[in-house]
N, C-alpha and C. Protein backbone atom coordinates (compact mmCIF):
# COMPACT_ATOMS: atom_id res chain seq x y z
N MET A 1 -37.31 -208.15 230.89
CA MET A 1 -38.89 -207.87 231.10
C MET A 1 -39.69 -209.19 230.54
N GLY A 2 -40.59 -209.20 231.76
CA GLY A 2 -41.38 -210.94 231.32
C GLY A 2 -42.33 -210.12 229.80
N ARG A 3 -42.26 -211.33 229.08
CA ARG A 3 -42.84 -211.26 228.08
C ARG A 3 -43.91 -211.34 228.34
N GLY A 4 -44.96 -210.47 227.82
CA GLY A 4 -46.58 -210.60 228.30
C GLY A 4 -47.32 -210.34 229.44
N ILE A 5 -46.71 -209.72 230.18
CA ILE A 5 -46.86 -209.44 231.35
C ILE A 5 -47.97 -208.22 231.59
N LYS A 6 -49.25 -208.61 232.07
CA LYS A 6 -50.18 -207.72 232.29
C LYS A 6 -50.39 -207.21 233.35
N VAL A 7 -50.28 -205.65 233.83
CA VAL A 7 -50.60 -205.12 235.20
C VAL A 7 -51.58 -204.41 235.44
N GLY A 8 -52.68 -204.36 236.32
CA GLY A 8 -53.79 -204.08 236.17
C GLY A 8 -53.68 -202.94 237.46
N ILE A 9 -53.86 -201.59 237.41
CA ILE A 9 -53.29 -200.54 238.70
C ILE A 9 -55.06 -200.25 238.59
N THR A 10 -55.93 -200.54 240.01
CA THR A 10 -56.94 -200.05 239.95
C THR A 10 -57.05 -199.56 241.36
N GLY A 11 -57.73 -198.48 241.66
CA GLY A 11 -58.29 -197.87 243.01
C GLY A 11 -59.17 -196.69 242.79
N LEU A 12 -59.74 -196.11 243.83
CA LEU A 12 -60.70 -195.19 243.44
C LEU A 12 -60.30 -193.95 243.13
N PRO A 13 -61.37 -193.20 242.58
CA PRO A 13 -61.02 -192.07 241.91
C PRO A 13 -59.98 -191.23 243.02
N GLY A 14 -58.89 -190.51 242.34
CA GLY A 14 -58.11 -189.77 243.14
C GLY A 14 -57.10 -190.52 243.91
N ALA A 15 -57.07 -191.54 243.95
CA ALA A 15 -55.88 -192.23 244.89
C ALA A 15 -54.23 -192.75 244.17
N GLY A 16 -54.23 -192.01 242.94
CA GLY A 16 -53.14 -191.95 242.39
C GLY A 16 -52.52 -193.35 241.40
N LYS A 17 -53.59 -193.79 240.38
CA LYS A 17 -53.54 -194.77 239.31
C LYS A 17 -52.40 -194.04 238.48
N THR A 18 -52.95 -192.77 237.69
CA THR A 18 -52.32 -192.33 236.68
C THR A 18 -50.75 -192.13 237.54
N GLN A 19 -50.60 -191.17 238.44
CA GLN A 19 -49.36 -191.15 238.67
C GLN A 19 -48.58 -192.29 238.98
N ALA A 20 -48.95 -193.39 239.87
CA ALA A 20 -48.13 -194.74 239.54
C ALA A 20 -48.02 -195.19 238.42
N LEU A 21 -48.79 -195.18 237.16
CA LEU A 21 -48.39 -195.55 236.32
C LEU A 21 -47.25 -194.35 235.27
N ILE A 22 -47.29 -193.21 235.78
CA ILE A 22 -46.47 -192.57 235.09
C ILE A 22 -45.22 -192.40 235.71
N LYS A 23 -44.89 -193.05 236.97
CA LYS A 23 -43.76 -193.13 237.57
C LYS A 23 -43.13 -194.26 236.94
N VAL A 24 -43.69 -195.54 236.63
CA VAL A 24 -43.99 -196.87 236.28
C VAL A 24 -43.20 -196.53 234.62
N ILE A 25 -43.79 -195.61 233.95
CA ILE A 25 -43.25 -195.30 232.60
C ILE A 25 -41.91 -194.73 232.28
N GLU A 26 -41.97 -193.67 233.80
CA GLU A 26 -40.69 -192.92 233.45
C GLU A 26 -39.50 -193.93 233.85
N MET A 27 -39.67 -195.45 234.95
CA MET A 27 -38.56 -195.95 235.28
C MET A 27 -38.56 -196.88 233.80
N LEU A 28 -39.34 -197.24 232.91
CA LEU A 28 -39.54 -198.15 232.09
C LEU A 28 -38.32 -197.47 231.16
N GLU A 29 -38.44 -196.22 230.53
CA GLU A 29 -37.96 -195.23 229.68
C GLU A 29 -36.27 -195.20 230.28
N GLU A 30 -36.07 -194.97 231.36
CA GLU A 30 -34.97 -195.62 231.92
C GLU A 30 -33.71 -196.18 231.81
N GLU A 31 -34.51 -197.17 231.76
CA GLU A 31 -34.03 -198.48 230.91
C GLU A 31 -34.19 -198.76 229.00
N SER A 32 -34.68 -197.79 229.13
CA SER A 32 -34.72 -197.50 227.58
C SER A 32 -35.26 -198.44 226.60
N LEU A 33 -36.45 -198.59 227.42
CA LEU A 33 -37.51 -199.48 226.64
C LEU A 33 -38.60 -197.95 226.16
N VAL A 34 -38.85 -198.70 224.99
CA VAL A 34 -40.19 -197.78 224.07
C VAL A 34 -41.53 -198.35 224.65
N VAL A 35 -41.76 -197.25 225.36
CA VAL A 35 -43.32 -197.01 225.83
C VAL A 35 -44.01 -196.51 225.00
N GLY A 36 -45.14 -197.19 224.54
CA GLY A 36 -45.82 -196.44 223.80
C GLY A 36 -47.81 -196.69 224.59
N GLY A 37 -48.92 -195.96 224.10
CA GLY A 37 -50.25 -195.77 224.27
C GLY A 37 -50.65 -194.78 224.80
N MET A 38 -51.81 -194.93 225.68
CA MET A 38 -52.52 -193.34 225.83
C MET A 38 -52.53 -193.51 227.60
N VAL A 39 -52.25 -192.16 227.73
CA VAL A 39 -52.49 -191.86 229.36
C VAL A 39 -53.50 -190.46 229.37
N THR A 40 -54.59 -190.07 230.42
CA THR A 40 -55.19 -189.40 230.41
C THR A 40 -54.82 -188.18 231.50
N GLU A 41 -54.92 -186.83 231.17
CA GLU A 41 -54.32 -186.08 232.02
C GLU A 41 -55.29 -185.24 232.69
N PRO A 42 -55.59 -184.32 233.89
CA PRO A 42 -56.69 -183.76 234.64
C PRO A 42 -56.67 -182.50 233.78
N ILE A 43 -57.29 -181.66 233.59
CA ILE A 43 -57.53 -180.53 232.96
C ILE A 43 -58.06 -179.70 234.80
N VAL A 44 -56.83 -178.92 235.29
CA VAL A 44 -57.07 -177.84 236.29
C VAL A 44 -57.15 -176.46 236.12
N GLU A 45 -58.84 -175.78 236.28
CA GLU A 45 -58.26 -174.35 236.36
C GLU A 45 -58.90 -173.97 237.48
N SER A 46 -57.91 -172.86 238.29
CA SER A 46 -58.68 -172.21 239.62
C SER A 46 -58.39 -173.39 240.71
N GLY A 47 -57.58 -174.52 240.50
CA GLY A 47 -57.51 -175.37 241.57
C GLY A 47 -58.32 -176.50 241.30
N LYS A 48 -59.41 -176.61 240.15
CA LYS A 48 -60.96 -177.34 240.15
C LYS A 48 -60.44 -178.32 239.16
N ARG A 49 -60.35 -179.75 239.54
CA ARG A 49 -60.58 -180.09 238.06
C ARG A 49 -61.75 -179.90 237.32
N VAL A 50 -61.52 -179.87 236.01
CA VAL A 50 -62.84 -179.49 235.30
C VAL A 50 -62.76 -180.29 233.90
N GLY A 51 -61.83 -181.24 233.64
CA GLY A 51 -61.98 -182.32 232.66
C GLY A 51 -60.75 -182.81 232.43
N PHE A 52 -60.67 -183.75 231.60
CA PHE A 52 -59.42 -184.74 230.99
C PHE A 52 -58.72 -184.50 229.55
N TYR A 53 -57.77 -184.43 229.57
CA TYR A 53 -56.97 -184.94 227.94
C TYR A 53 -56.95 -186.33 227.72
N VAL A 54 -57.01 -186.26 227.23
CA VAL A 54 -56.43 -188.25 226.26
C VAL A 54 -55.12 -187.40 225.52
N MET A 55 -53.87 -188.44 226.11
CA MET A 55 -52.64 -187.84 225.67
C MET A 55 -52.13 -189.18 224.95
N ASP A 56 -51.31 -189.46 224.19
CA ASP A 56 -50.53 -190.44 223.15
C ASP A 56 -49.30 -190.07 223.80
N TRP A 57 -48.59 -190.97 224.87
CA TRP A 57 -47.18 -191.35 225.23
C TRP A 57 -46.35 -191.00 224.41
N LYS A 58 -46.09 -191.61 223.29
CA LYS A 58 -44.82 -191.65 222.33
C LYS A 58 -44.55 -190.16 221.86
N SER A 59 -45.87 -189.51 221.04
CA SER A 59 -45.96 -188.56 220.29
C SER A 59 -46.29 -187.40 221.27
N LYS A 60 -46.85 -187.45 222.38
CA LYS A 60 -47.25 -186.15 223.13
C LYS A 60 -48.58 -185.21 222.52
N ARG A 61 -49.06 -186.13 221.59
CA ARG A 61 -50.23 -185.05 220.86
C ARG A 61 -51.11 -185.81 221.51
N LYS A 62 -51.97 -184.52 222.11
CA LYS A 62 -53.10 -184.69 223.09
C LYS A 62 -54.32 -183.85 222.90
N ALA A 63 -55.51 -183.88 222.98
CA ALA A 63 -56.87 -183.62 222.80
C ALA A 63 -57.81 -183.62 223.94
N ILE A 64 -58.67 -182.68 224.35
CA ILE A 64 -59.66 -182.26 225.22
C ILE A 64 -60.60 -183.88 225.26
N PHE A 65 -60.86 -184.72 226.04
CA PHE A 65 -61.57 -186.06 226.15
C PHE A 65 -62.79 -185.69 226.94
N ALA A 66 -62.87 -185.07 227.73
CA ALA A 66 -63.99 -184.81 228.44
C ALA A 66 -63.57 -183.52 229.31
N HIS A 67 -65.07 -182.47 229.13
CA HIS A 67 -65.10 -181.49 230.05
C HIS A 67 -66.32 -181.09 230.57
N ILE A 68 -66.08 -180.33 231.58
CA ILE A 68 -67.76 -179.61 232.18
C ILE A 68 -68.49 -178.82 231.07
N GLU A 69 -67.43 -178.16 229.78
CA GLU A 69 -68.47 -177.22 229.12
C GLU A 69 -68.60 -178.29 227.55
N THR A 70 -68.32 -179.75 227.66
CA THR A 70 -68.31 -180.03 226.35
C THR A 70 -69.66 -180.59 226.47
N GLU A 71 -70.63 -180.34 225.18
CA GLU A 71 -71.67 -180.93 225.25
C GLU A 71 -71.57 -182.33 224.28
N SER A 72 -72.40 -182.89 225.01
CA SER A 72 -71.96 -184.66 224.72
C SER A 72 -73.01 -185.54 224.15
N LYS A 73 -73.47 -186.36 223.81
CA LYS A 73 -74.19 -187.47 223.72
C LYS A 73 -74.27 -188.56 225.18
N PHE A 74 -72.61 -188.37 225.74
CA PHE A 74 -72.21 -189.46 226.57
C PHE A 74 -72.09 -188.73 227.76
N TYR A 75 -72.47 -188.24 229.20
CA TYR A 75 -71.71 -187.87 230.10
C TYR A 75 -71.57 -188.59 230.88
N VAL A 76 -70.49 -188.81 232.02
CA VAL A 76 -70.23 -189.04 232.99
C VAL A 76 -70.17 -188.24 234.17
N GLY A 77 -70.82 -188.56 234.98
CA GLY A 77 -71.12 -187.36 235.68
C GLY A 77 -70.96 -185.98 235.26
N LYS A 78 -70.25 -184.81 235.61
CA LYS A 78 -70.66 -183.68 235.43
C LYS A 78 -70.08 -183.42 233.99
N TYR A 79 -68.99 -184.30 233.62
CA TYR A 79 -68.32 -184.30 232.34
C TYR A 79 -68.80 -184.82 231.03
N GLY A 80 -68.88 -184.17 230.27
CA GLY A 80 -69.21 -184.20 228.73
C GLY A 80 -68.24 -184.89 228.09
N VAL A 81 -68.06 -186.47 227.29
CA VAL A 81 -67.44 -187.13 227.11
C VAL A 81 -67.34 -186.76 225.54
N ASN A 82 -65.95 -186.53 224.93
CA ASN A 82 -65.76 -186.64 223.59
C ASN A 82 -65.33 -187.69 222.73
N LEU A 83 -65.81 -188.36 222.34
CA LEU A 83 -65.34 -190.04 221.83
C LEU A 83 -64.72 -189.31 220.94
N GLU A 84 -64.76 -188.81 220.07
CA GLU A 84 -63.86 -188.60 218.57
C GLU A 84 -62.14 -188.16 219.25
N SER A 85 -62.25 -187.68 220.09
CA SER A 85 -61.00 -187.37 220.48
C SER A 85 -60.19 -188.61 221.16
N LEU A 86 -60.77 -189.04 222.01
CA LEU A 86 -60.57 -191.16 222.57
C LEU A 86 -60.23 -191.90 220.60
N ASP A 87 -60.96 -191.41 220.14
CA ASP A 87 -60.56 -192.61 218.87
C ASP A 87 -59.78 -192.25 217.83
N THR A 88 -59.04 -190.27 218.00
CA THR A 88 -57.84 -190.43 217.07
C THR A 88 -56.84 -190.51 217.89
N VAL A 89 -56.83 -189.60 218.80
CA VAL A 89 -55.41 -189.52 219.81
C VAL A 89 -55.33 -191.00 220.56
N GLY A 90 -56.10 -191.63 221.58
CA GLY A 90 -56.14 -192.50 222.14
C GLY A 90 -55.79 -194.04 221.37
N VAL A 91 -56.93 -194.11 220.38
CA VAL A 91 -56.79 -195.28 219.88
C VAL A 91 -55.56 -195.78 219.07
N GLU A 92 -55.80 -194.33 217.79
CA GLU A 92 -54.26 -194.60 217.58
C GLU A 92 -52.93 -194.73 218.20
N ALA A 93 -52.84 -194.28 218.99
CA ALA A 93 -51.68 -194.34 220.11
C ALA A 93 -51.71 -195.80 220.67
N LEU A 94 -52.88 -196.50 220.79
CA LEU A 94 -52.77 -197.90 221.53
C LEU A 94 -52.66 -198.45 219.86
N ASN A 95 -52.73 -198.40 218.87
CA ASN A 95 -52.41 -199.17 217.50
C ASN A 95 -51.04 -199.02 217.79
N ASP A 96 -50.60 -198.18 217.42
CA ASP A 96 -48.92 -197.66 217.59
C ASP A 96 -48.38 -198.64 218.27
N ALA A 97 -48.78 -198.60 219.71
CA ALA A 97 -48.00 -199.37 220.66
C ALA A 97 -47.84 -200.77 220.46
N THR A 98 -49.06 -201.32 219.99
CA THR A 98 -49.00 -202.75 219.58
C THR A 98 -48.39 -203.09 219.00
N LYS A 99 -48.12 -202.42 217.62
CA LYS A 99 -47.06 -202.58 216.87
C LYS A 99 -45.88 -202.28 216.95
N ASN A 100 -45.48 -201.23 217.59
CA ASN A 100 -44.29 -200.36 217.46
C ASN A 100 -43.37 -200.60 218.95
N ALA A 101 -44.38 -200.59 220.07
CA ALA A 101 -43.74 -200.40 221.16
C ALA A 101 -42.92 -201.19 222.14
N ASP A 102 -42.39 -201.60 223.28
CA ASP A 102 -42.01 -202.58 223.90
C ASP A 102 -42.59 -202.71 224.89
N VAL A 103 -43.45 -201.48 225.23
CA VAL A 103 -44.47 -201.78 226.67
C VAL A 103 -45.68 -200.70 225.98
N ILE A 104 -46.85 -201.32 226.02
CA ILE A 104 -47.96 -200.81 226.33
C ILE A 104 -48.62 -200.34 227.48
N VAL A 105 -49.24 -199.28 227.26
CA VAL A 105 -50.09 -198.13 228.39
C VAL A 105 -51.29 -197.50 228.28
N ILE A 106 -52.59 -198.12 228.56
CA ILE A 106 -53.91 -197.72 228.92
C ILE A 106 -53.96 -197.27 230.06
N ASP A 107 -54.07 -195.88 229.81
CA ASP A 107 -54.72 -195.20 230.98
C ASP A 107 -55.66 -194.23 230.76
N GLU A 108 -57.25 -194.39 230.88
CA GLU A 108 -57.63 -195.84 231.57
C GLU A 108 -59.02 -196.39 231.00
N VAL A 109 -58.84 -197.83 231.40
CA VAL A 109 -60.08 -198.72 230.79
C VAL A 109 -61.03 -197.69 232.08
N GLY A 110 -62.23 -196.92 231.88
CA GLY A 110 -62.85 -196.65 232.76
C GLY A 110 -64.01 -196.26 232.09
N LYS A 111 -65.42 -195.97 232.76
CA LYS A 111 -66.77 -195.38 232.42
C LYS A 111 -66.84 -194.36 231.05
N MET A 112 -65.79 -193.73 230.88
CA MET A 112 -65.95 -192.71 229.71
C MET A 112 -65.32 -193.36 228.81
N GLU A 113 -64.28 -194.32 228.75
CA GLU A 113 -63.79 -194.70 227.61
C GLU A 113 -64.35 -195.99 227.14
N VAL A 114 -64.96 -196.49 228.08
CA VAL A 114 -65.78 -197.69 227.15
C VAL A 114 -67.12 -197.16 226.46
N GLU A 115 -67.08 -196.02 226.39
CA GLU A 115 -68.27 -195.76 225.60
C GLU A 115 -68.15 -195.89 224.14
N SER A 116 -66.72 -195.84 223.67
CA SER A 116 -65.97 -196.06 222.30
C SER A 116 -65.88 -197.32 222.05
N GLU A 117 -66.69 -198.01 220.53
CA GLU A 117 -66.19 -198.95 220.50
C GLU A 117 -64.83 -199.35 220.02
N LYS A 118 -64.20 -198.19 219.03
CA LYS A 118 -63.11 -198.20 218.92
C LYS A 118 -61.65 -198.45 219.84
N PHE A 119 -62.41 -197.62 221.01
CA PHE A 119 -61.34 -197.95 222.02
C PHE A 119 -61.42 -199.40 222.67
N VAL A 120 -62.63 -199.80 222.83
CA VAL A 120 -62.77 -201.36 223.31
C VAL A 120 -62.29 -202.40 222.42
N LYS A 121 -62.09 -202.21 220.99
CA LYS A 121 -61.44 -202.81 220.05
C LYS A 121 -60.04 -202.95 220.20
N ALA A 122 -59.56 -201.79 220.22
CA ALA A 122 -57.97 -201.44 220.31
C ALA A 122 -57.41 -202.21 222.08
N VAL A 123 -58.24 -202.31 223.12
CA VAL A 123 -57.90 -202.43 224.21
C VAL A 123 -57.84 -204.09 224.16
N LYS A 124 -58.99 -204.79 223.50
CA LYS A 124 -58.97 -206.41 223.47
C LYS A 124 -57.65 -206.59 222.23
N ASP A 125 -57.39 -206.04 221.38
CA ASP A 125 -56.56 -206.26 220.43
C ASP A 125 -55.27 -205.87 221.10
N ALA A 126 -54.89 -205.30 222.00
CA ALA A 126 -53.49 -204.90 222.74
C ALA A 126 -53.08 -206.07 223.58
N MET A 127 -54.38 -206.48 224.15
CA MET A 127 -54.60 -207.81 225.22
C MET A 127 -54.15 -208.65 224.60
N GLU A 128 -54.04 -209.02 223.63
CA GLU A 128 -53.53 -210.39 222.71
C GLU A 128 -52.33 -210.35 222.48
N VAL A 129 -51.49 -209.32 222.28
CA VAL A 129 -50.18 -209.25 221.87
C VAL A 129 -49.32 -209.56 223.00
N ASP A 130 -48.26 -210.11 222.54
CA ASP A 130 -47.45 -210.87 223.65
C ASP A 130 -45.91 -209.63 223.81
N LYS A 131 -46.69 -208.68 224.54
CA LYS A 131 -45.82 -207.48 224.92
C LYS A 131 -46.24 -207.06 226.55
N PRO A 132 -45.61 -206.59 227.19
CA PRO A 132 -45.63 -206.10 228.65
C PRO A 132 -46.68 -205.08 228.58
N ILE A 133 -48.20 -205.35 229.18
CA ILE A 133 -49.35 -203.87 229.62
C ILE A 133 -49.81 -203.90 230.75
N ILE A 134 -49.22 -202.31 231.05
CA ILE A 134 -49.69 -201.68 232.17
C ILE A 134 -51.16 -200.58 231.87
N LEU A 135 -52.06 -200.98 232.53
CA LEU A 135 -53.66 -200.42 232.24
C LEU A 135 -54.00 -199.98 233.89
N THR A 136 -54.84 -199.23 233.67
CA THR A 136 -55.44 -198.34 234.62
C THR A 136 -57.04 -198.97 234.83
N LEU A 137 -57.10 -199.20 235.75
CA LEU A 137 -58.63 -199.82 235.84
C LEU A 137 -59.69 -199.00 236.78
N HIS A 138 -60.96 -198.85 236.08
CA HIS A 138 -61.96 -198.26 236.66
C HIS A 138 -62.35 -199.36 238.12
N LYS A 139 -62.25 -198.67 239.46
CA LYS A 139 -62.42 -199.91 240.20
C LYS A 139 -63.68 -200.46 240.64
N LYS A 140 -64.97 -199.96 239.99
CA LYS A 140 -66.06 -200.03 240.41
C LYS A 140 -67.13 -200.49 239.29
N SER A 141 -66.64 -200.35 238.02
CA SER A 141 -67.55 -200.25 236.60
C SER A 141 -67.78 -201.84 236.67
N ARG A 142 -69.01 -201.95 236.59
CA ARG A 142 -69.05 -203.44 236.02
C ARG A 142 -69.26 -203.72 234.26
N ASN A 143 -68.84 -202.99 233.49
CA ASN A 143 -68.57 -202.77 232.09
C ASN A 143 -68.19 -204.31 231.56
N PRO A 144 -68.71 -204.80 230.60
CA PRO A 144 -67.95 -206.13 230.32
C PRO A 144 -66.71 -206.38 229.89
N LEU A 145 -66.29 -204.94 229.23
CA LEU A 145 -64.34 -205.26 229.12
C LEU A 145 -63.80 -205.23 230.49
N LEU A 146 -64.33 -204.18 231.04
CA LEU A 146 -63.28 -204.46 232.28
C LEU A 146 -63.90 -205.80 233.17
N GLN A 147 -64.69 -206.24 232.95
CA GLN A 147 -65.10 -207.48 234.00
C GLN A 147 -64.29 -208.90 233.20
N ASP A 148 -63.99 -208.71 231.85
CA ASP A 148 -63.40 -209.57 230.84
C ASP A 148 -62.04 -209.22 231.55
N ILE A 149 -61.14 -208.10 232.01
CA ILE A 149 -59.85 -207.93 231.98
C ILE A 149 -59.37 -208.40 233.37
N ARG A 150 -60.46 -208.39 234.39
CA ARG A 150 -60.37 -208.59 235.45
C ARG A 150 -60.36 -210.29 235.66
N ARG A 151 -61.00 -210.39 234.65
CA ARG A 151 -61.03 -212.24 234.77
C ARG A 151 -60.19 -213.15 234.20
N ARG A 152 -58.95 -212.44 233.50
CA ARG A 152 -58.10 -213.20 232.63
C ARG A 152 -56.77 -213.64 234.05
N ASP A 153 -56.65 -215.09 233.46
CA ASP A 153 -55.23 -215.47 234.26
C ASP A 153 -54.31 -214.73 234.16
N ASP A 154 -53.85 -214.32 232.97
CA ASP A 154 -52.11 -213.43 232.71
C ASP A 154 -52.51 -212.14 233.05
N VAL A 155 -53.37 -211.56 234.05
CA VAL A 155 -53.12 -209.98 234.50
C VAL A 155 -53.30 -210.03 236.13
N ARG A 156 -52.59 -209.49 236.47
CA ARG A 156 -52.25 -209.14 238.13
C ARG A 156 -52.92 -207.58 238.25
N ILE A 157 -53.75 -208.05 239.11
CA ILE A 157 -54.60 -206.47 239.54
C ILE A 157 -53.87 -206.09 240.88
N LEU A 158 -53.52 -204.83 241.22
CA LEU A 158 -52.83 -203.93 241.76
C LEU A 158 -53.68 -203.00 242.42
N GLU A 159 -53.99 -202.94 243.68
CA GLU A 159 -54.86 -201.68 244.37
C GLU A 159 -54.04 -200.40 244.76
N VAL A 160 -54.23 -199.14 244.37
CA VAL A 160 -53.61 -198.05 244.37
C VAL A 160 -53.87 -197.58 245.43
N THR A 161 -53.54 -197.05 246.34
CA THR A 161 -53.95 -196.35 247.77
C THR A 161 -52.89 -195.15 248.11
N PRO A 162 -53.48 -194.28 249.01
CA PRO A 162 -52.70 -193.00 249.39
C PRO A 162 -51.59 -193.58 250.03
N ILE A 163 -51.75 -195.10 250.98
CA ILE A 163 -50.42 -195.26 251.70
C ILE A 163 -49.39 -196.19 250.77
N ASN A 164 -49.49 -196.85 249.70
CA ASN A 164 -48.71 -197.71 248.89
C ASN A 164 -48.37 -197.09 247.47
N ARG A 165 -49.21 -195.53 247.53
CA ARG A 165 -48.92 -195.29 246.15
C ARG A 165 -47.45 -194.90 245.72
N ASN A 166 -46.81 -194.45 246.66
CA ASN A 166 -45.40 -193.77 246.20
C ASN A 166 -44.18 -195.74 246.30
N LEU A 167 -44.78 -196.77 246.97
CA LEU A 167 -44.21 -198.03 246.72
C LEU A 167 -44.66 -198.70 245.48
N LEU A 168 -45.78 -198.64 245.29
CA LEU A 168 -46.34 -199.48 244.10
C LEU A 168 -45.52 -199.47 242.77
N PRO A 169 -45.17 -198.51 242.10
CA PRO A 169 -44.69 -198.39 240.63
C PRO A 169 -43.36 -199.41 240.74
N TYR A 170 -43.15 -199.40 242.40
CA TYR A 170 -41.03 -199.71 242.57
C TYR A 170 -42.06 -201.87 242.25
N LYS A 171 -42.73 -202.03 242.54
CA LYS A 171 -43.58 -203.53 242.93
C LYS A 171 -43.62 -203.72 241.45
N ILE A 172 -44.53 -202.68 240.77
CA ILE A 172 -44.67 -203.26 239.32
C ILE A 172 -43.42 -203.49 238.46
N ILE A 173 -42.47 -202.56 238.62
CA ILE A 173 -41.21 -202.89 238.06
C ILE A 173 -40.58 -204.54 237.81
N LYS A 174 -40.80 -204.27 239.32
CA LYS A 174 -40.49 -206.20 240.10
C LYS A 174 -41.05 -207.14 239.16
N LEU A 175 -42.33 -207.01 238.69
CA LEU A 175 -42.92 -207.97 238.57
C LEU A 175 -43.32 -207.89 237.17
N MET A 176 -42.72 -207.08 236.19
CA MET A 176 -42.84 -206.78 235.16
C MET A 176 -41.22 -207.77 234.72
N LYS A 177 -40.04 -207.30 236.02
CA LYS A 177 -39.22 -208.22 235.38
C LYS A 177 -38.99 -209.62 235.64
N GLY A 178 -40.04 -210.16 236.36
CA GLY A 178 -40.03 -211.59 237.20
C GLY A 178 -39.85 -211.69 238.59
N GLU A 179 -39.31 -210.68 238.93
CA GLU A 179 -38.82 -211.09 240.65
C GLU A 179 -39.86 -211.35 241.38
N TYR A 180 -41.09 -210.99 241.08
CA TYR A 180 -42.31 -211.14 242.16
C TYR A 180 -42.92 -212.15 241.53
N VAL A 181 -43.82 -212.89 242.31
CA VAL A 181 -44.46 -214.22 242.00
C VAL A 181 -45.88 -214.03 242.30
């Protein structure tokens, strides 16, 4: 595994960023690598997305991070954002992965997540560690954290589309092994 390689997966909402990331994680775990960090999962009721969980990949602990019925100071679209869930589950997962995992995953650096100062700090800290990182990035946000990540020389940004979504995880694994330049 390439030391310190950082791969950013971007794409439009619903393009398959998280699905691509989870496939990469499964492939890494098949190679006995310890993957840690946070993943977001949609909450679906009656076939409609009504919110998101934030989940610690390693411990599988999760909490409701955003929901249409959540009252909050922060709203992104129709979702009320619960920053406390992100700070306890997501940030703790990132801090643990920075210390104890072989590969760090961050899903997603997006509009909701960057409202948390603890999250922003945890992402910046993780980016400085000499470990492979895979993160999903909101495609259009102009947030300073996202812009800093996109500008870094050590981050390779790949866009997921409905056409490449099934092949992209294999490309990412090859990149991480140093088989692509």
